[in-house]
C-alpha atoms as a PDB file:
ATOM      1  CA  MET A   1     -35.340  54.337  23.728  1.00  0.00           C
ATOM      2  CA  GLY A   2     -36.020  52.678  27.107  1.00  0.00           C
ATOM      3  CA  GLU A   3     -39.189  51.067  25.847  1.00  0.00           C
ATOM      4  CA  TRP A   4     -37.273  49.402  22.998  1.00  0.00           C
ATOM      5  CA  ALA A   5     -34.667  48.135  25.344  1.00  0.00           C
ATOM      6  CA  ALA A   6     -37.370  46.463  27.551  1.00  0.00           C
ATOM      7  CA  VAL A   7     -38.946  44.870  24.509  1.00  0.00           C
ATOM      8  CA  LEU A   8     -35.583  43.451  23.438  1.00  0.00           C
ATOM      9  CA  VAL A   9     -34.901  42.183  26.865  1.00  0.00           C
ATOM     10  CA  VAL A  10     -38.289  40.494  27.102  1.00  0.00           C
ATOM     11  CA  ALA A  11     -37.941  38.926  23.668  1.00  0.00           C
ATOM     12  CA  LEU A  12     -34.427  37.730  24.494  1.00  0.00           C
ATOM     13  CA  ALA A  13     -35.734  36.130  27.804  1.00  0.00           C
ATOM     14  CA  VAL A  14     -38.541  34.451  25.903  1.00  0.00           C
ATOM     15  CA  ALA A  15     -36.256  33.102  23.295  1.00  0.00           C
ATOM     16  CA  LEU A  16     -33.907  31.653  25.902  1.00  0.00           C
ATOM     17  CA  ALA A  17     -36.901  30.175  27.821  1.00  0.00           C
ATOM     18  CA  VAL A  18     -38.239  28.506  24.741  1.00  0.00           C
ATOM     19  CA  ARG A  19     -34.760  27.079  23.839  1.00  0.00           C
ATOM     20  CA  ALA A  20     -34.184  25.898  27.370  1.00  0.00           C
ATOM     21  CA  PHE A  21     -37.519  24.220  28.003  1.00  0.00           C
ATOM     22  CA  VAL A  22     -39.612  23.827  24.814  1.00  0.00           C
ATOM     23  CA  VAL A  23     -37.684  23.296  21.531  1.00  0.00           C
ATOM     24  CA  GLN A  24     -34.051  23.271  20.385  1.00  0.00           C
ATOM     25  CA  THR A  25     -32.177  22.606  17.279  1.00  0.00           C
ATOM     26  CA  PHE A  26     -29.353  20.282  16.854  1.00  0.00           C
ATOM     27  CA  TYR A  27     -26.800  19.501  14.197  1.00  0.00           C
ATOM     28  CA  ILE A  28     -26.107  15.872  12.931  1.00  0.00           C
ATOM     29  CA  PRO A  29     -22.254  15.402  12.974  1.00  0.00           C
ATOM     30  CA  SER A  30     -22.120  11.605  12.106  1.00  0.00           C
ATOM     31  CA  PRO A  31     -23.568   9.036   9.742  1.00  0.00           C
ATOM     32  CA  SER A  32     -25.016   6.828  12.517  1.00  0.00           C
ATOM     33  CA  MET A  33     -28.634   7.717  11.720  1.00  0.00           C
ATOM     34  CA  GLU A  34     -28.322   7.510   7.916  1.00  0.00           C
ATOM     35  CA  PRO A  35     -30.322   7.465   5.709  1.00  0.00           C
ATOM     36  CA  THR A  36     -32.978   8.899   8.084  1.00  0.00           C
ATOM     37  CA  LEU A  37     -30.819  11.802   9.116  1.00  0.00           C
ATOM     38  CA  MET A  38     -27.612  12.792   7.036  1.00  0.00           C
ATOM     39  CA  VAL A  39     -24.414  14.340   8.175  1.00  0.00           C
ATOM     40  CA  GLY A  40     -25.094  18.123   8.236  1.00  0.00           C
ATOM     41  CA  ASP A  41     -28.862  17.979   8.816  1.00  0.00           C
ATOM     42  CA  ARG A  42     -30.463  20.239  11.351  1.00  0.00           C
ATOM     43  CA  ILE A  43     -33.240  18.971  13.504  1.00  0.00           C
ATOM     44  CA  LEU A  44     -35.870  20.393  15.822  1.00  0.00           C
ATOM     45  CA  VAL A  45     -36.245  18.633  19.090  1.00  0.00           C
ATOM     46  CA  ASP A  46     -39.274  18.884  21.310  1.00  0.00           C
ATOM     47  CA  LYS A  47     -38.123  19.016  24.928  1.00  0.00           C
ATOM     48  CA  LEU A  48     -41.612  18.983  26.471  1.00  0.00           C
ATOM     49  CA  SER A  49     -43.251  15.898  24.901  1.00  0.00           C
ATOM     50  CA  TYR A  50     -41.768  13.431  27.299  1.00  0.00           C
ATOM     51  CA  HIS A  51     -43.076  15.362  30.284  1.00  0.00           C
ATOM     52  CA  LEU A  52     -46.571  14.883  28.963  1.00  0.00           C
ATOM     53  CA  HIS A  53     -46.299  11.249  27.759  1.00  0.00           C
ATOM     54  CA  GLY A  54     -43.923   8.304  27.721  1.00  0.00           C
ATOM     55  CA  VAL A  55     -41.278   7.457  25.318  1.00  0.00           C
ATOM     56  CA  HIS A  56     -42.241   5.047  22.521  1.00  0.00           C
ATOM     57  CA  ARG A  57     -40.425   2.423  20.581  1.00  0.00           C
ATOM     58  CA  GLY A  58     -39.357   3.861  17.184  1.00  0.00           C
ATOM     59  CA  ASP A  59     -38.958   7.449  18.532  1.00  0.00           C
ATOM     60  CA  ILE A  60     -35.899   9.246  17.445  1.00  0.00           C
ATOM     61  CA  ILE A  61     -34.495  11.045  20.538  1.00  0.00           C
ATOM     62  CA  VAL A  62     -31.615  13.286  21.574  1.00  0.00           C
ATOM     63  CA  PHE A  63     -29.908  12.417  24.789  1.00  0.00           C
ATOM     64  CA  SER A  64     -26.868  13.575  26.752  1.00  0.00           C
ATOM     65  CA  ARG A  65     -23.681  11.588  26.178  1.00  0.00           C
ATOM     66  CA  PRO A  66     -23.758   8.639  28.548  1.00  0.00           C
ATOM     67  CA  PRO A  67     -20.886   7.327  30.481  1.00  0.00           C
ATOM     68  CA  GLY A  68     -18.785   4.969  28.446  1.00  0.00           C
ATOM     69  CA  GLU A  69     -19.731   6.484  25.096  1.00  0.00           C
ATOM     70  CA  ARG A  70     -16.584   6.759  22.863  1.00  0.00           C
ATOM     71  CA  ALA A  71     -17.505   9.749  20.609  1.00  0.00           C
ATOM     72  CA  SER A  72     -15.088  12.660  20.403  1.00  0.00           C
ATOM     73  CA  SER A  73     -15.103  14.760  23.589  1.00  0.00           C
ATOM     74  CA  ASN A  74     -16.751  17.741  21.798  1.00  0.00           C
ATOM     75  CA  VAL A  75     -19.891  15.719  21.202  1.00  0.00           C
ATOM     76  CA  GLN A  76     -22.203  16.374  24.138  1.00  0.00           C
ATOM     77  CA  ASP A  77     -25.542  15.045  22.731  1.00  0.00           C
ATOM     78  CA  LEU A  78     -26.400  11.948  20.610  1.00  0.00           C
ATOM     79  CA  VAL A  79     -29.295  11.119  18.379  1.00  0.00           C
ATOM     80  CA  LYS A  80     -30.537   7.544  18.161  1.00  0.00           C
ATOM     81  CA  ARG A  81     -33.737   5.558  17.715  1.00  0.00           C
ATOM     82  CA  VAL A  82     -35.478   3.958  20.724  1.00  0.00           C
ATOM     83  CA  VAL A  83     -35.611   0.098  20.308  1.00  0.00           C
ATOM     84  CA  GLY A  84     -35.981  -1.240  23.874  1.00  0.00           C
ATOM     85  CA  LEU A  85     -38.247   0.252  26.674  1.00  0.00           C
ATOM     86  CA  PRO A  86     -38.056  -0.083  30.473  1.00  0.00           C
ATOM     87  CA  ASP A  87     -38.335  -3.569  31.982  1.00  0.00           C
ATOM     88  CA  GLU A  88     -38.093  -5.296  28.540  1.00  0.00           C
ATOM     89  CA  THR A  89     -35.577  -8.092  27.651  1.00  0.00           C
ATOM     90  CA  ILE A  90     -33.780  -7.378  24.369  1.00  0.00           C
ATOM     91  CA  TRP A  91     -31.449  -9.498  22.212  1.00  0.00           C
ATOM     92  CA  SER A  92     -30.621 -10.385  18.695  1.00  0.00           C
ATOM     93  CA  SER A  93     -30.384 -13.524  16.821  1.00  0.00           C
ATOM     94  CA  ASP A  94     -29.465 -14.199  13.120  1.00  0.00           C
ATOM     95  CA  GLY A  95     -29.429 -10.393  12.504  1.00  0.00           C
ATOM     96  CA  ASN A  96     -32.879  -9.652  13.881  1.00  0.00           C
ATOM     97  CA  VAL A  97     -33.652  -7.717  17.050  1.00  0.00           C
ATOM     98  CA  PHE A  98     -36.246  -9.073  19.471  1.00  0.00           C
ATOM     99  CA  VAL A  99     -37.976  -7.669  22.645  1.00  0.00           C
ATOM    100  CA  GLN A 100     -40.162  -9.164  25.232  1.00  0.00           C
ATOM    101  CA  GLY A 101     -41.763  -7.482  28.280  1.00  0.00           C
ATOM    102  CA  PRO A 102     -44.656  -5.627  29.775  1.00  0.00           C
ATOM    103  CA  ASP A 103     -45.312  -3.382  26.680  1.00  0.00           C
ATOM    104  CA  THR A 104     -45.428  -6.411  24.439  1.00  0.00           C
ATOM    105  CA  LYS A 105     -47.736  -8.341  26.757  1.00  0.00           C
ATOM    106  CA  ASN A 106     -44.727 -10.625  27.331  1.00  0.00           C
ATOM    107  CA  LYS A 107     -44.936 -11.878  23.710  1.00  0.00           C
ATOM    108  CA  VAL A 108     -41.627 -11.872  21.818  1.00  0.00           C
ATOM    109  CA  ILE A 109     -41.775  -9.207  19.101  1.00  0.00           C
ATOM    110  CA  GLU A 110     -39.394  -8.541  16.339  1.00  0.00           C
ATOM    111  CA  VAL A 111     -38.302  -4.963  16.079  1.00  0.00           C
ATOM    112  CA  PRO A 112     -38.449  -4.000  12.376  1.00  0.00           C
ATOM    113  CA  GLU A 113     -35.441  -2.522  10.641  1.00  0.00           C
ATOM    114  CA  PRO A 114     -35.558   1.272  10.472  1.00  0.00           C
ATOM    115  CA  VAL A 115     -34.786   1.010   6.843  1.00  0.00           C
ATOM    116  CA  PRO A 116     -35.691  -2.143   4.953  1.00  0.00           C
ATOM    117  CA  GLY A 117     -32.523  -4.196   4.069  1.00  0.00           C
ATOM    118  CA  THR A 118     -30.303  -2.734   6.649  1.00  0.00           C
ATOM    119  CA  GLN A 119     -27.960  -5.077   8.525  1.00  0.00           C
ATOM    120  CA  LEU A 120     -27.775  -5.298  12.297  1.00  0.00           C
ATOM    121  CA  GLY A 121     -24.070  -5.090  12.671  1.00  0.00           C
ATOM    122  CA  PRO A 122     -22.756  -6.079  16.064  1.00  0.00           C
ATOM    123  CA  PRO A 123     -25.165  -8.424  17.913  1.00  0.00           C
ATOM    124  CA  ILE A 124     -27.110  -7.536  20.946  1.00  0.00           C
ATOM    125  CA  THR A 125     -26.380  -9.793  24.030  1.00  0.00           C
ATOM    126  CA  ARG A 126     -29.554 -10.759  25.836  1.00  0.00           C
ATOM    127  CA  GLN A 127     -30.280  -8.272  28.659  1.00  0.00           C
ATOM    128  CA  THR A 128     -33.224  -6.953  30.777  1.00  0.00           C
ATOM    129  CA  LEU A 129     -33.632  -3.189  30.881  1.00  0.00           C
ATOM    130  CA  GLY A 130     -34.177  -1.513  34.365  1.00  0.00           C
ATOM    131  CA  PRO A 131     -37.279   0.599  35.157  1.00  0.00           C
ATOM    132  CA  ASN A 132     -35.926   3.826  33.681  1.00  0.00           C
ATOM    133  CA  GLN A 133     -33.628   2.405  30.998  1.00  0.00           C
ATOM    134  CA  TYR A 134     -33.878   2.545  27.189  1.00  0.00           C
ATOM    135  CA  PHE A 135     -31.912   0.723  24.524  1.00  0.00           C
ATOM    136  CA  VAL A 136     -31.109   2.912  21.593  1.00  0.00           C
ATOM    137  CA  MET A 137     -29.622   2.292  18.164  1.00  0.00           C
ATOM    138  CA  GLY A 138     -28.548   4.257  15.120  1.00  0.00           C
ATOM    139  CA  ASP A 139     -30.533   3.556  11.925  1.00  0.00           C
ATOM    140  CA  ASN A 140     -27.099   2.931  10.269  1.00  0.00           C
ATOM    141  CA  ARG A 141     -26.690  -0.121  12.482  1.00  0.00           C
ATOM    142  CA  THR A 142     -23.384  -1.244  11.003  1.00  0.00           C
ATOM    143  CA  ASN A 143     -21.966   2.175  11.728  1.00  0.00           C
ATOM    144  CA  SER A 144     -23.328   3.394  15.046  1.00  0.00           C
ATOM    145  CA  ASP A 145     -21.883   3.609  18.477  1.00  0.00           C
ATOM    146  CA  ASP A 146     -25.131   2.829  20.394  1.00  0.00           C
ATOM    147  CA  SER A 147     -26.522   0.835  23.349  1.00  0.00           C
ATOM    148  CA  ARG A 148     -24.638  -2.245  21.995  1.00  0.00           C
ATOM    149  CA  PHE A 149     -21.474  -0.571  22.979  1.00  0.00           C
ATOM    150  CA  PHE A 150     -22.246   1.816  25.916  1.00  0.00           C
ATOM    151  CA  GLY A 151     -25.308  -0.044  27.244  1.00  0.00           C
ATOM    152  CA  PRO A 152     -28.888   1.211  27.905  1.00  0.00           C
ATOM    153  CA  ILE A 153     -29.411   4.821  28.677  1.00  0.00           C
ATOM    154  CA  SER A 154     -31.183   6.359  31.581  1.00  0.00           C
ATOM    155  CA  GLY A 155     -34.288   8.180  30.945  1.00  0.00           C
ATOM    156  CA  ASN A 156     -32.791  11.038  32.817  1.00  0.00           C
ATOM    157  CA  LEU A 157     -30.361  11.661  29.882  1.00  0.00           C
ATOM    158  CA  ILE A 158     -33.195  12.100  27.412  1.00  0.00           C
ATOM    159  CA  VAL A 159     -33.298  15.719  26.152  1.00  0.00           C
ATOM    160  CA  GLY A 160     -36.280  15.342  23.884  1.00  0.00           C
ATOM    161  CA  LYS A 161     -37.967  13.858  20.813  1.00  0.00           C
ATOM    162  CA  VAL A 162     -36.853  14.630  17.302  1.00  0.00           C
ATOM    163  CA  VAL A 163     -39.912  16.186  15.620  1.00  0.00           C
ATOM    164  CA  MET A 164     -38.618  17.563  12.396  1.00  0.00           C
ATOM    165  CA  ARG A 165     -35.624  17.949  10.156  1.00  0.00           C
ATOM    166  CA  ILE A 166     -35.397  21.648   9.287  1.00  0.00           C
ATOM    167  CA  TRP A 167     -32.201  21.731   7.143  1.00  0.00           C
ATOM    168  CA  PRO A 168     -31.663  21.282   4.328  1.00  0.00           C
ATOM    169  CA  ILE A 169     -35.020  22.937   3.345  1.00  0.00           C
ATOM    170  CA  THR A 170     -35.322  20.592   0.319  1.00  0.00           C
ATOM    171  CA  ALA A 171     -35.398  17.547   2.758  1.00  0.00           C
ATOM    172  CA  MET A 172     -37.637  19.126   5.400  1.00  0.00           C
ATOM    173  CA  ARG A 173     -39.722  16.412   7.037  1.00  0.00           C
ATOM    174  CA  PHE A 174     -41.753  15.643  10.140  1.00  0.00           C
ATOM    175  CA  PHE A 175     -40.981  12.359  12.336  1.00  0.00           C
END
């Protein structure tokens, strides 16, 4: 009996370590990432990847709720798409999003819509991100509380990269 208890304790410790440091599942509570992620979807988040490489424009990330974010108090983590990277200048004009900075070789580039035909919603005032700041937006840009409202997020708030939708099974997908 003692041997089984030891196996169970080790299995539980490994499961907790994996959840804390490697991968974790999250639930999508709002329509801010539609149609990419729908309300009720479950996602798998890689918590190690950004320790091995940098964050890229277009990545879908989970991050801890930043100061100034207006979601209900029971929401602790948010899911958005990375649009602006550290040290870039970002703004919008005529419904289009533009960035300029070190990663763009100082050319102005237009950030494509996450879903063709989506509208920008509230504009982005011209701003330059700091060395560890990211500008994030929901794919449902007309219905997303994002960096346009609470400002850029610190890289320290990033939990990890969304790698897969695991629920519903019929909509399973890698990102």
